[in-house]
Amino acid sequence: MTNRKWWIAVVVVALAAAAYTQRDRIAGSLSRAPEAPATAPAVAGSAPPAAPKLQLAPAELLTIEPGEISRTLPVTGTLKPVNQILVKSKVSGDITEVTVREGMAVRAGQVVARVDQLDYQLRVNERAAQLRNAQAQVEQARRTVENNRQLLAKGFISQNAFDNAGSGLDVARANADAAAAGLAQLRKMLSDTVIVAPITGTVAERFVQPGEKLSPDGRIMTIVDLSRMEIEVVVPTTEISAVRVGQEVELRIDGVAGKQAAKVARINPGTQAGTRSVPVYLAVANREERIRAGMFAQGTLTLEHRSGVLTVPVAAVRDVNGRKFVYAVADGKIVEHDVKLGARDDSTLAQDGSPGVIEVLEGLHAGERVVAVNLGKLAVGAEVETSAPPAPAAPVAAPAARP
């Protein structure tokens, strides 16, 4: 047992000696190794790496030149005929005939409907007989007055008797006049049984059928004149001072190809109730009658037109915390130019085809180049390189025909 403990102690001492020997070898090798440099030595006279250039297409740059600008106002509304008539009956009676239907053209004075005339014809005949009776009484009273005048001259009657005869003649004449007026009224009612178109146009609606009973002011049909149309639009009071009668407007009408010319025909003298807008009426010629009542139209009303002004696309203007500026290219680098803006024209297309240009009052001069589109935030001082547009592909020659 004592020998075993002795051998264990010898092994432990040997292992410890080996461990100390290996540690001393590692420390010596580290002390002899050369110290690595912290950084690689820089080559004398070498330049820092160049920053990448900003590539811009020709369509993304715009050279400022004087041009034209228009201050416009968008307008919308529904078209309606200038002349539109609701035909009504002036007398009561049974409808015997209606000669037109919806969509048919009519001329002014054309018969469009008839009311039964029998009752009115009989009443006319009765009143005509009363008139003849009254006229006969007038003639009788006139002869009586003539006879009494002779008797008065001979002293056979008194002056009072002669005056009474004269009064009788006046009464007879008044009765005849009343009968004549009544006859004229009945004849007018008889003529009103024939209903005619008051204007030339097209029947839009028909409200009666033959055999129906009409009362006075009963609706018969609506006639519209499509040759002259108008649209009511509203203009804010802040812009109404720039609107004048005769100003031209371009309209786009749903369902009608192309643009339609219109003019300011009338301006309402007051504002609409509950709004601060003024109704303005635009006249539209419709000689070919392509436009129908109720069509929706939208367009632009030109309030002001000026030339010789500097403009940039609306997309080119940047607004950062109220500061308005554009990116420009000077000496091949990106710079910023603060600008003061004026009128905006949304009817003019910018260089990239987007709608809207805006007037530059201060900050730019003719001949300067600006970034015409919104490319986000650009680094001021970055060099700009314009990429050339792609060359058109060369036409492919057709293969020669074999002999």
Protein backbone atom coordinates (compact mmCIF):
# COMPACT_ATOMS: atom_id res chain seq x y z
CA MET A 1 0.00 0.00 0.00
CA THR A 2 2.89 2.34 0.75
CA ASN A 3 4.49 1.58 -2.65
CA ARG A 4 1.29 2.42 -4.48
CA LYS A 5 1.01 5.86 -2.86
CA TRP A 6 4.64 6.48 -3.67
CA TRP A 7 4.12 5.74 -7.40
CA ILE A 8 1.06 8.07 -7.55
CA ALA A 9 3.09 10.92 -6.08
CA VAL A 10 5.85 10.39 -8.67
CA VAL A 11 3.35 10.54 -11.58
CA VAL A 12 1.76 13.76 -10.28
CA VAL A 13 5.19 15.45 -9.98
CA ALA A 14 6.13 14.36 -13.52
CA LEU A 15 2.94 15.74 -15.04
CA ALA A 16 3.36 19.07 -13.30
CA ALA A 17 6.94 19.39 -14.56
CA ALA A 18 5.81 18.69 -18.14
CA ALA A 19 3.10 21.36 -17.93
CA TYR A 20 5.53 24.04 -16.73
CA THR A 21 7.98 23.15 -19.51
CA GLN A 22 5.28 23.56 -22.26
CA ARG A 23 4.20 26.96 -20.86
CA ASP A 24 7.76 28.25 -20.99
CA ARG A 25 8.11 27.19 -24.65
CA ILE A 26 4.89 29.05 -25.70
CA ALA A 27 5.92 32.23 -23.90
CA GLY A 28 9.34 32.17 -25.55
CA SER A 29 7.85 31.77 -29.03
CA LEU A 30 5.52 34.72 -28.50
CA SER A 31 8.34 36.95 -27.29
CA ARG A 32 10.36 36.16 -30.40
CA ALA A 33 7.54 36.75 -32.99
CA PRO A 34 7.57 40.21 -34.79
CA GLU A 35 4.66 42.58 -33.90
CA ALA A 36 2.14 42.90 -36.74
CA PRO A 37 1.40 46.46 -37.89
CA ALA A 38 -2.00 47.87 -36.88
CA THR A 39 -2.74 49.20 -40.35
CA ALA A 40 -1.26 48.72 -43.76
CA PRO A 41 1.09 51.50 -44.70
CA ALA A 42 -0.45 54.03 -47.15
CA VAL A 43 1.16 54.50 -50.50
CA ALA A 44 2.64 57.97 -50.73
CA GLY A 45 0.78 60.32 -53.20
CA SER A 46 -2.32 58.09 -53.73
CA ALA A 47 -5.83 59.85 -53.94
CA PRO A 48 -8.94 58.74 -51.94
CA PRO A 49 -11.47 56.66 -53.91
CA ALA A 50 -13.76 58.85 -56.13
CA ALA A 51 -17.46 59.14 -55.21
CA PRO A 52 -19.86 57.67 -57.80
CA LYS A 53 -21.38 60.16 -60.25
CA LEU A 54 -25.10 60.82 -60.45
CA GLN A 55 -26.46 59.42 -63.71
CA LEU A 56 -29.29 61.52 -65.23
CA ALA A 57 -31.21 60.83 -68.41
CA PRO A 58 -31.72 63.73 -70.83
CA ALA A 59 -35.46 63.66 -70.10
CA GLU A 60 -34.74 64.31 -66.42
CA LEU A 61 -33.04 67.65 -67.13
CA LEU A 62 -34.75 70.80 -68.35
CA THR A 63 -33.18 73.96 -69.73
CA ILE A 64 -35.12 76.99 -68.51
CA GLU A 65 -36.49 79.13 -71.35
CA PRO A 66 -39.18 81.87 -71.47
CA GLY A 67 -42.58 80.47 -72.36
CA GLU A 68 -46.32 80.90 -71.87
CA ILE A 69 -48.53 80.19 -68.90
CA SER A 70 -52.26 80.24 -68.34
CA ARG A 71 -54.07 80.54 -65.03
CA THR A 72 -57.05 78.25 -65.33
CA LEU A 73 -59.98 77.11 -63.24
CA PRO A 74 -61.49 73.61 -63.54
CA VAL A 75 -65.26 73.65 -64.12
CA THR A 76 -67.86 70.89 -64.20
CA GLY A 77 -71.58 70.76 -64.77
CA THR A 78 -74.53 69.22 -66.61
CA LEU A 79 -75.62 70.40 -70.04
CA LYS A 80 -79.16 71.55 -70.65
CA PRO A 81 -80.96 73.23 -73.59
CA VAL A 82 -81.29 76.99 -73.60
CA ASN A 83 -84.86 76.66 -74.94
CA GLN A 84 -87.03 74.01 -73.34
CA ILE A 85 -90.83 74.25 -73.46
CA LEU A 86 -93.43 72.37 -71.47
CA VAL A 87 -96.52 72.31 -73.72
CA LYS A 88 -99.76 72.57 -71.72
CA SER A 89 -103.41 72.54 -72.62
CA LYS A 90 -105.25 75.87 -72.45
CA VAL A 91 -108.70 74.29 -72.44
CA SER A 92 -110.31 71.25 -70.92
CA GLY A 93 -111.61 68.34 -72.93
CA ASP A 94 -110.90 64.91 -74.30
CA ILE A 95 -107.68 64.33 -76.27
CA THR A 96 -108.66 63.12 -79.73
CA GLU A 97 -105.22 63.00 -81.36
CA VAL A 98 -101.51 63.20 -80.53
CA THR A 99 -99.41 63.38 -83.69
CA VAL A 100 -95.84 63.05 -82.32
CA ARG A 101 -93.88 60.83 -79.96
CA GLU A 102 -90.61 61.09 -78.02
CA GLY A 103 -87.56 61.70 -80.18
CA MET A 104 -89.50 63.15 -83.12
CA ALA A 105 -88.51 66.52 -84.55
CA VAL A 106 -91.16 69.24 -84.72
CA ARG A 107 -91.35 72.68 -86.29
CA ALA A 108 -92.73 75.82 -84.69
CA GLY A 109 -96.47 75.97 -85.48
CA GLN A 110 -96.79 72.25 -86.26
CA VAL A 111 -99.93 70.56 -84.88
CA VAL A 112 -98.93 68.10 -82.15
CA ALA A 113 -102.29 67.31 -80.50
CA ARG A 114 -106.04 68.00 -80.70
CA VAL A 115 -108.82 68.33 -78.11
CA ASP A 116 -112.46 67.48 -78.88
CA GLN A 117 -113.97 70.61 -80.52
CA LEU A 118 -117.67 69.77 -80.49
CA ASP A 119 -118.60 71.48 -77.23
CA TYR A 120 -116.65 74.60 -78.09
CA GLN A 121 -118.12 74.77 -81.60
CA LEU A 122 -121.67 74.65 -80.19
CA ARG A 123 -120.86 77.40 -77.70
CA VAL A 124 -119.43 79.52 -80.50
CA ASN A 125 -122.58 79.07 -82.54
CA GLU A 126 -124.72 80.07 -79.54
CA ARG A 127 -122.71 83.20 -78.87
CA ALA A 128 -122.76 84.12 -82.56
CA ALA A 129 -126.59 84.02 -82.49
CA GLN A 130 -126.60 86.25 -79.39
CA LEU A 131 -124.37 88.69 -81.19
CA ARG A 132 -126.70 88.85 -84.19
CA ASN A 133 -129.64 89.50 -81.85
CA ALA A 134 -127.72 92.29 -80.12
CA GLN A 135 -126.83 93.85 -83.44
CA ALA A 136 -130.50 93.76 -84.50
CA GLN A 137 -131.45 95.55 -81.29
CA VAL A 138 -128.81 98.16 -82.01
CA GLU A 139 -130.30 98.73 -85.45
CA GLN A 140 -133.79 99.00 -83.98
CA ALA A 141 -132.65 101.48 -81.33
CA ARG A 142 -130.87 103.54 -83.99
CA ARG A 143 -134.06 103.86 -86.10
CA THR A 144 -136.01 104.81 -83.02
CA VAL A 145 -133.58 107.63 -82.26
CA GLU A 146 -133.82 108.93 -85.85
CA ASN A 147 -137.62 108.97 -85.75
CA ASN A 148 -137.68 110.71 -82.37
CA ARG A 149 -135.29 113.36 -83.65
CA GLN A 150 -137.81 114.28 -86.35
CA LEU A 151 -140.69 114.26 -83.88
CA LEU A 152 -138.71 116.45 -81.48
CA ALA A 153 -138.07 118.95 -84.29
CA LYS A 154 -141.84 119.18 -84.92
CA GLY A 155 -142.62 119.43 -81.23
CA PHE A 156 -144.52 116.15 -81.03
CA ILE A 157 -142.33 114.69 -78.22
CA SER A 158 -140.43 116.14 -75.35
CA GLN A 159 -136.68 116.38 -74.99
CA ASN A 160 -136.82 113.82 -72.21
CA ALA A 161 -138.42 111.25 -74.50
CA PHE A 162 -135.71 111.83 -77.10
CA ASP A 163 -132.95 111.37 -74.48
CA ASN A 164 -134.51 108.10 -73.35
CA ALA A 165 -134.37 106.81 -76.92
CA GLY A 166 -130.69 107.78 -77.12
CA SER A 167 -129.98 105.89 -73.89
CA GLY A 168 -131.69 102.83 -75.32
CA LEU A 169 -129.36 102.97 -78.32
CA ASP A 170 -126.31 103.12 -76.04
CA VAL A 171 -127.52 100.09 -74.07
CA ALA A 172 -128.10 98.12 -77.27
CA ARG A 173 -124.63 98.92 -78.54
CA ALA A 174 -123.07 97.87 -75.20
CA ASN A 175 -124.93 94.55 -75.33
CA ALA A 176 -123.69 94.01 -78.88
CA ASP A 177 -120.10 94.74 -77.83
CA ALA A 178 -120.36 92.28 -74.93
CA ALA A 179 -121.74 89.61 -77.25
CA ALA A 180 -118.90 90.24 -79.71
CA ALA A 181 -116.29 89.93 -76.95
CA GLY A 182 -117.82 86.70 -75.71
CA LEU A 183 -117.86 85.31 -79.23
CA ALA A 184 -114.17 86.20 -79.70
CA GLN A 185 -113.30 84.48 -76.44
CA LEU A 186 -115.12 81.31 -77.42
CA ARG A 187 -113.50 81.32 -80.83
CA LYS A 188 -110.11 81.61 -79.10
CA MET A 189 -110.97 78.61 -76.94
CA LEU A 190 -112.06 76.72 -80.06
CA SER A 191 -108.69 77.45 -81.71
CA ASP A 192 -106.88 76.35 -78.54
CA THR A 193 -108.26 72.85 -79.03
CA VAL A 194 -105.64 72.54 -81.76
CA ILE A 195 -102.29 72.38 -79.93
CA VAL A 196 -99.19 73.45 -81.88
CA ALA A 197 -95.46 73.36 -81.13
CA PRO A 198 -94.30 76.76 -79.86
CA ILE A 199 -90.66 76.18 -80.89
CA THR A 200 -88.67 74.09 -83.33
CA GLY A 201 -87.02 71.19 -81.57
CA THR A 202 -87.37 67.58 -80.50
CA VAL A 203 -90.03 65.95 -78.36
CA ALA A 204 -88.37 64.89 -75.11
CA GLU A 205 -91.42 63.61 -73.14
CA ARG A 206 -95.08 62.91 -73.89
CA PHE A 207 -97.55 62.84 -71.01
CA VAL A 208 -100.95 62.08 -72.64
CA GLN A 209 -102.58 59.52 -74.88
CA PRO A 210 -105.65 59.87 -77.12
CA GLY A 211 -108.88 59.49 -75.14
CA GLU A 212 -107.55 60.98 -71.90
CA LYS A 213 -109.36 63.87 -70.22
CA LEU A 214 -107.40 67.11 -69.99
CA SER A 215 -107.95 69.99 -67.62
CA PRO A 216 -106.71 73.53 -68.20
CA ASP A 217 -102.89 73.67 -67.76
CA GLY A 218 -102.67 69.91 -68.18
CA ARG A 219 -99.23 68.74 -69.35
CA ILE A 220 -99.06 67.38 -72.89
CA MET A 221 -95.35 67.14 -73.84
CA THR A 222 -91.90 68.69 -73.48
CA ILE A 223 -90.03 70.05 -76.50
CA VAL A 224 -86.32 70.90 -76.36
CA ASP A 225 -84.17 72.84 -78.79
CA LEU A 226 -80.80 71.07 -78.93
CA SER A 227 -79.16 73.59 -81.27
CA ARG A 228 -78.17 75.79 -78.32
CA MET A 229 -76.97 74.25 -75.07
CA GLU A 230 -75.60 75.73 -71.88
CA ILE A 231 -73.90 74.55 -68.74
CA GLU A 232 -74.05 76.16 -65.31
CA VAL A 233 -70.76 76.17 -63.41
CA VAL A 234 -69.77 77.78 -60.12
CA VAL A 235 -66.78 80.07 -59.71
CA PRO A 236 -65.36 81.04 -56.28
CA THR A 237 -65.75 84.68 -55.37
CA THR A 238 -61.96 84.94 -55.15
CA GLU A 239 -61.73 84.24 -58.91
CA ILE A 240 -64.94 85.82 -60.24
CA SER A 241 -63.26 89.18 -60.93
CA ALA A 242 -61.18 87.51 -63.67
CA VAL A 243 -64.24 86.08 -65.46
CA ARG A 244 -65.63 88.06 -68.40
CA VAL A 245 -68.50 87.48 -70.81
CA GLY A 246 -67.08 86.04 -74.01
CA GLN A 247 -64.17 84.13 -72.44
CA GLU A 248 -63.54 80.81 -74.16
CA VAL A 249 -63.68 77.47 -72.41
CA GLU A 250 -62.65 74.00 -73.60
CA LEU A 251 -65.03 71.26 -72.50
CA ARG A 252 -64.74 67.49 -72.51
CA ILE A 253 -68.20 65.97 -72.69
CA ASP A 254 -68.86 62.38 -71.73
CA GLY A 255 -69.89 60.43 -74.79
CA VAL A 256 -68.69 63.04 -77.31
CA ALA A 257 -65.31 62.62 -78.98
CA GLY A 258 -62.85 65.51 -78.95
CA LYS A 259 -63.06 68.85 -77.19
CA GLN A 260 -66.02 71.20 -77.42
CA ALA A 261 -65.64 74.98 -77.51
CA ALA A 262 -67.81 77.09 -75.22
CA LYS A 263 -68.04 80.74 -74.17
CA VAL A 264 -69.11 82.58 -71.05
CA ALA A 265 -72.63 83.79 -71.89
CA ARG A 266 -73.90 85.17 -68.57
CA ILE A 267 -72.68 85.80 -65.03
CA ASN A 268 -75.11 85.68 -62.14
CA PRO A 269 -75.20 88.94 -60.16
CA GLY A 270 -75.19 87.15 -56.80
CA THR A 271 -73.73 84.16 -55.01
CA GLN A 272 -75.47 80.86 -54.45
CA ALA A 273 -77.33 80.50 -51.18
CA GLY A 274 -75.12 78.90 -48.54
CA THR A 275 -71.94 79.11 -50.63
CA ARG A 276 -69.39 81.68 -51.65
CA SER A 277 -69.60 80.78 -55.33
CA VAL A 278 -71.13 82.64 -58.26
CA PRO A 279 -73.05 80.76 -60.99
CA VAL A 280 -71.62 81.29 -64.46
CA TYR A 281 -73.40 80.12 -67.62
CA LEU A 282 -71.43 78.77 -70.57
CA ALA A 283 -73.00 78.68 -74.04
CA VAL A 284 -72.26 75.67 -76.25
CA ALA A 285 -73.10 75.54 -79.96
CA ASN A 286 -74.63 72.22 -80.96
CA ARG A 287 -75.43 72.58 -84.63
CA GLU A 288 -74.85 68.89 -85.35
CA GLU A 289 -76.88 68.00 -82.24
CA ARG A 290 -74.31 65.49 -80.99
CA ILE A 291 -74.83 66.76 -77.44
CA ARG A 292 -77.87 65.62 -75.50
CA ALA A 293 -79.55 67.16 -72.49
CA GLY A 294 -78.20 65.90 -69.19
CA MET A 295 -74.70 65.01 -70.41
CA PHE A 296 -71.87 65.69 -67.94
CA ALA A 297 -69.09 68.04 -68.99
CA GLN A 298 -65.81 69.17 -67.47
CA GLY A 299 -63.21 71.61 -68.69
CA THR A 300 -60.96 74.54 -67.88
CA LEU A 301 -61.83 78.22 -67.79
CA THR A 302 -58.83 80.37 -68.72
CA LEU A 303 -58.66 83.28 -66.28
CA GLU A 304 -55.31 84.73 -67.42
CA HIS A 305 -52.76 84.10 -70.17
CA ARG A 306 -49.20 85.48 -70.16
CA SER A 307 -46.09 84.91 -72.28
CA GLY A 308 -42.36 85.44 -71.70
CA VAL A 309 -42.37 83.86 -68.23
CA LEU A 310 -40.05 81.21 -66.74
CA THR A 311 -41.73 77.98 -65.72
CA VAL A 312 -40.68 74.64 -64.25
CA PRO A 313 -42.66 71.42 -63.83
CA VAL A 314 -44.54 71.19 -60.57
CA ALA A 315 -42.72 67.90 -59.89
CA ALA A 316 -39.37 69.72 -59.95
CA VAL A 317 -40.21 71.96 -56.97
CA ARG A 318 -39.26 70.60 -53.54
CA ASP A 319 -40.90 71.87 -50.36
CA VAL A 320 -39.04 71.21 -47.11
CA ASN A 321 -40.50 72.91 -44.03
CA GLY A 322 -41.90 75.73 -46.15
CA ARG A 323 -38.66 76.26 -48.06
CA LYS A 324 -39.22 75.87 -51.79
CA PHE A 325 -36.26 75.06 -54.00
CA VAL A 326 -35.24 73.17 -57.12
CA TYR A 327 -32.21 71.05 -57.88
CA ALA A 328 -30.09 72.53 -60.67
CA VAL A 329 -26.89 71.51 -62.44
CA ALA A 330 -24.02 74.04 -62.38
CA ASP A 331 -20.46 73.19 -63.47
CA GLY A 332 -21.47 69.57 -63.66
CA LYS A 333 -22.60 69.37 -60.02
CA ILE A 334 -25.90 69.37 -58.16
CA VAL A 335 -26.83 72.70 -56.53
CA GLU A 336 -29.95 74.03 -54.83
CA HIS A 337 -31.76 77.20 -55.91
CA ASP A 338 -34.39 78.73 -53.64
CA VAL A 339 -37.30 79.93 -55.78
CA LYS A 340 -40.26 82.26 -55.44
CA LEU A 341 -43.27 80.84 -57.25
CA GLY A 342 -46.19 82.46 -59.05
CA ALA A 343 -49.19 81.19 -60.99
CA ARG A 344 -49.72 77.50 -61.61
CA ASP A 345 -50.99 76.06 -64.92
CA ASP A 346 -52.46 72.58 -64.63
CA SER A 347 -53.57 72.54 -68.27
CA THR A 348 -50.00 72.44 -69.62
CA LEU A 349 -48.04 69.20 -69.74
CA ALA A 350 -44.54 69.10 -68.28
CA GLN A 351 -41.55 67.61 -70.08
CA ASP A 352 -42.20 64.14 -68.64
CA GLY A 353 -45.85 64.28 -69.64
CA SER A 354 -47.18 64.97 -66.15
CA PRO A 355 -49.74 67.79 -65.87
CA GLY A 356 -48.78 71.06 -64.29
CA VAL A 357 -46.14 73.77 -64.61
CA ILE A 358 -45.57 76.67 -62.25
CA GLU A 359 -44.17 80.15 -62.77
CA VAL A 360 -40.82 81.03 -61.21
CA LEU A 361 -40.66 84.69 -60.19
CA GLU A 362 -37.23 84.65 -58.54
CA GLY A 363 -34.34 82.23 -58.17
CA LEU A 364 -33.77 81.02 -61.74
CA HIS A 365 -32.58 82.51 -65.01
CA ALA A 366 -33.04 81.54 -68.62
CA GLY A 367 -30.49 78.96 -69.78
CA GLU A 368 -30.05 77.21 -66.42
CA ARG A 369 -30.58 73.47 -66.23
CA VAL A 370 -32.78 72.01 -63.50
CA VAL A 371 -33.78 68.48 -62.53
CA ALA A 372 -37.27 68.31 -64.01
CA VAL A 373 -38.55 65.29 -62.05
CA ASN A 374 -38.73 64.30 -58.40
CA LEU A 375 -35.78 61.96 -57.78
CA GLY A 376 -35.93 62.24 -54.02
CA LYS A 377 -33.22 63.92 -51.96
CA LEU A 378 -30.06 64.61 -53.97
CA ALA A 379 -26.60 65.25 -52.53
CA VAL A 380 -25.55 68.84 -53.10
CA GLY A 381 -22.15 68.89 -54.82
CA ALA A 382 -22.55 65.46 -56.39
CA GLU A 383 -21.15 65.29 -59.91
CA VAL A 384 -23.67 64.74 -62.66
CA GLU A 385 -23.21 62.64 -65.72
CA THR A 386 -25.83 62.71 -68.46
CA SER A 387 -26.42 59.41 -70.17
CA ALA A 388 -26.79 59.60 -73.89
CA PRO A 389 -30.11 58.46 -75.33
CA PRO A 390 -29.96 54.97 -76.86
CA ALA A 391 -29.03 54.96 -80.52
CA PRO A 392 -31.77 53.78 -82.85
CA ALA A 393 -31.34 50.22 -84.01
CA ALA A 394 -29.90 49.88 -87.49
CA PRO A 395 -32.42 48.58 -90.00
CA VAL A 396 -31.95 44.94 -90.87
CA ALA A 397 -31.21 44.52 -94.55
CA ALA A 398 -33.44 42.15 -96.40
CA PRO A 399 -31.67 39.04 -97.69
CA ALA A 400 -30.74 39.22 -101.32
CA ALA A 401 -32.82 37.16 -103.62
CA ARG A 402 -31.13 34.08 -104.97
CA PRO A 403 -30.40 34.15 -108.70
